[in-house]
Structures are given as C-alpha cells and as structure tokens.
Amino acid sequence: MTRPAIVGFSGSLSSPSRTRALVEEIARRTAHQYERSFEVIDIGQFFPSLGAAHRLSDLDAKARRLVDHLLQAEALVVASPVYKGS
C-alpha cells in the first residue's frame, strides 16, 4: 500500500469537528496542487492504546500504522482546537 504524501492530523476529539474540516481542506488543496495523495488522521483513531503506551512498541497495530503514516509523510498539516480562546 502506498503511503499518503500529505498527512493531516486533527487534535480534536469532537465529531464533527471544525478543526478536522480545516485540516482536511488544507491537506486536500495541498495534495491537489502538488499532485500528491493525502490522508487525514484524528487523534481519536489512536484510542484506546494511546493513553496506555509508553513506547511506540506499546501501540496496537492500528495506532502503529497511523504513526508510521505520520512519520513517512512528505508533509504534515497539524491543527488543534482552541477552547474559549485560551
């Protein structure tokens, strides 16, 4: 399987999420402009193993594949929501 060149990462736990929508739009436009593939990952996709992991090897297979996509991407689009302007 070919890894996506542009990977978006949304740090929002909400669904639907304006943060995810923003990350997806930026990743899509960037991938289109540079003729690359893209994927968007939500932080929630790492659960439940994320909270229990001390090392990458502690992640379950699904979470580890997502980390590999992040590490092997040519470019990242990362966003986290801001709550109450703080």
C-alpha atoms as a PDB file:
ATOM      1  CA  MET A   1       0.000   0.000   0.000  1.00  0.00           C
ATOM      2  CA  THR A   2       1.337   3.419  -0.947  1.00  0.00           C
ATOM      3  CA  ARG A   3       1.703   5.840   1.920  1.00  0.00           C
ATOM      4  CA  PRO A   4      -0.006   9.205   1.508  1.00  0.00           C
ATOM      5  CA  ALA A   5       2.418  12.051   0.771  1.00  0.00           C
ATOM      6  CA  ILE A   6       0.431  14.656   2.708  1.00  0.00           C
ATOM      7  CA  VAL A   7      -0.926  13.641   6.109  1.00  0.00           C
ATOM      8  CA  GLY A   8      -3.256  15.840   8.103  1.00  0.00           C
ATOM      9  CA  PHE A   9      -3.550  15.399  11.852  1.00  0.00           C
ATOM     10  CA  SER A  10      -6.519  16.793  13.764  1.00  0.00           C
ATOM     11  CA  GLY A  11      -6.154  17.092  17.526  1.00  0.00           C
ATOM     12  CA  SER A  12      -9.884  17.482  18.103  1.00  0.00           C
ATOM     13  CA  LEU A  13     -11.884  14.858  19.954  1.00  0.00           C
ATOM     14  CA  SER A  14     -15.198  16.215  18.652  1.00  0.00           C
ATOM     15  CA  SER A  15     -17.041  14.766  15.719  1.00  0.00           C
ATOM     16  CA  PRO A  16     -17.927  16.558  13.555  1.00  0.00           C
ATOM     17  CA  SER A  17     -15.060  18.955  14.048  1.00  0.00           C
ATOM     18  CA  ARG A  18     -14.256  22.330  12.512  1.00  0.00           C
ATOM     19  CA  THR A  19     -10.588  21.570  13.186  1.00  0.00           C
ATOM     20  CA  ARG A  20     -10.783  18.383  11.150  1.00  0.00           C
ATOM     21  CA  ALA A  21     -12.637  20.172   8.363  1.00  0.00           C
ATOM     22  CA  LEU A  22      -9.864  22.787   8.217  1.00  0.00           C
ATOM     23  CA  VAL A  23      -7.081  20.169   8.218  1.00  0.00           C
ATOM     24  CA  GLU A  24      -8.869  18.151   5.541  1.00  0.00           C
ATOM     25  CA  GLU A  25      -9.355  21.175   3.286  1.00  0.00           C
ATOM     26  CA  ILE A  26      -5.723  22.297   3.591  1.00  0.00           C
ATOM     27  CA  ALA A  27      -4.415  18.758   3.017  1.00  0.00           C
ATOM     28  CA  ARG A  28      -6.727  18.276   0.028  1.00  0.00           C
ATOM     29  CA  ARG A  29      -5.725  21.567  -1.603  1.00  0.00           C
ATOM     30  CA  THR A  30      -2.021  20.974  -0.972  1.00  0.00           C
ATOM     31  CA  ALA A  31      -2.191  17.439  -2.347  1.00  0.00           C
ATOM     32  CA  HIS A  32      -4.055  18.679  -5.418  1.00  0.00           C
ATOM     33  CA  GLN A  33      -1.562  21.495  -6.032  1.00  0.00           C
ATOM     34  CA  TYR A  34       1.462  19.194  -5.805  1.00  0.00           C
ATOM     35  CA  GLU A  35      -0.236  16.138  -7.346  1.00  0.00           C
ATOM     36  CA  ARG A  36       0.180  14.010  -4.240  1.00  0.00           C
ATOM     37  CA  SER A  37      -2.095  11.740  -2.230  1.00  0.00           C
ATOM     38  CA  PHE A  38      -3.394  12.728   1.199  1.00  0.00           C
ATOM     39  CA  GLU A  39      -4.964  11.313   4.321  1.00  0.00           C
ATOM     40  CA  VAL A  40      -6.388  12.899   7.468  1.00  0.00           C
ATOM     41  CA  ILE A  41      -5.956  11.265  10.864  1.00  0.00           C
ATOM     42  CA  ASP A  42      -7.907  12.171  14.007  1.00  0.00           C
ATOM     43  CA  ILE A  43      -6.355  11.833  17.444  1.00  0.00           C
ATOM     44  CA  GLY A  44      -9.321   9.657  18.437  1.00  0.00           C
ATOM     45  CA  GLN A  45      -8.169   6.972  15.984  1.00  0.00           C
ATOM     46  CA  PHE A  46      -5.264   6.205  18.334  1.00  0.00           C
ATOM     47  CA  PHE A  47      -7.522   5.208  21.216  1.00  0.00           C
ATOM     48  CA  PRO A  48      -7.516   3.108  23.328  1.00  0.00           C
ATOM     49  CA  SER A  49      -3.820   2.254  23.087  1.00  0.00           C
ATOM     50  CA  LEU A  50      -2.525   5.843  23.038  1.00  0.00           C
ATOM     51  CA  GLY A  51      -3.150   6.507  26.726  1.00  0.00           C
ATOM     52  CA  ALA A  52      -1.501   3.267  27.809  1.00  0.00           C
ATOM     53  CA  ALA A  53       1.568   3.435  25.550  1.00  0.00           C
ATOM     54  CA  HIS A  54       4.967   4.400  26.922  1.00  0.00           C
ATOM     55  CA  ARG A  55       6.796   3.466  23.705  1.00  0.00           C
ATOM     56  CA  LEU A  56       5.834   3.070  20.072  1.00  0.00           C
ATOM     57  CA  SER A  57       6.030  -0.681  20.523  1.00  0.00           C
ATOM     58  CA  ASP A  58       3.206  -0.445  23.094  1.00  0.00           C
ATOM     59  CA  LEU A  59       0.716   0.809  20.499  1.00  0.00           C
ATOM     60  CA  ASP A  60      -1.735  -1.626  18.937  1.00  0.00           C
ATOM     61  CA  ALA A  61      -1.296  -2.443  15.234  1.00  0.00           C
ATOM     62  CA  LYS A  62      -3.823   0.150  14.015  1.00  0.00           C
ATOM     63  CA  ALA A  63      -2.289   3.006  16.028  1.00  0.00           C
ATOM     64  CA  ARG A  64       1.213   1.994  14.964  1.00  0.00           C
ATOM     65  CA  ARG A  65       0.197   2.104  11.268  1.00  0.00           C
ATOM     66  CA  LEU A  66      -1.143   5.621  11.802  1.00  0.00           C
ATOM     67  CA  VAL A  67       2.134   6.708  13.432  1.00  0.00           C
ATOM     68  CA  ASP A  68       4.031   5.197  10.508  1.00  0.00           C
ATOM     69  CA  HIS A  69       1.908   7.279   8.095  1.00  0.00           C
ATOM     70  CA  LEU A  70       2.780  10.411  10.078  1.00  0.00           C
ATOM     71  CA  LEU A  71       6.489   9.576  10.151  1.00  0.00           C
ATOM     72  CA  GLN A  72       6.722   8.714   6.450  1.00  0.00           C
ATOM     73  CA  ALA A  73       4.747  11.672   5.092  1.00  0.00           C
ATOM     74  CA  GLU A  74       6.421  14.241   2.877  1.00  0.00           C
ATOM     75  CA  ALA A  75       4.438  16.980   4.629  1.00  0.00           C
ATOM     76  CA  LEU A  76       2.171  17.292   7.667  1.00  0.00           C
ATOM     77  CA  VAL A  77      -0.821  19.533   8.268  1.00  0.00           C
ATOM     78  CA  VAL A  78      -1.400  19.670  12.032  1.00  0.00           C
ATOM     79  CA  ALA A  79      -4.106  21.533  13.940  1.00  0.00           C
ATOM     80  CA  SER A  80      -5.519  21.533  17.435  1.00  0.00           C
ATOM     81  CA  PRO A  81      -8.693  23.287  18.556  1.00  0.00           C
ATOM     82  CA  VAL A  82      -8.587  26.301  20.851  1.00  0.00           C
ATOM     83  CA  TYR A  83     -11.208  26.208  23.570  1.00  0.00           C
ATOM     84  CA  LYS A  84     -12.652  29.503  24.817  1.00  0.00           C
ATOM     85  CA  GLY A  85      -9.773  31.451  23.297  1.00  0.00           C
ATOM     86  CA  SER A  86      -7.262  30.278  25.896  1.00  0.00           C
END
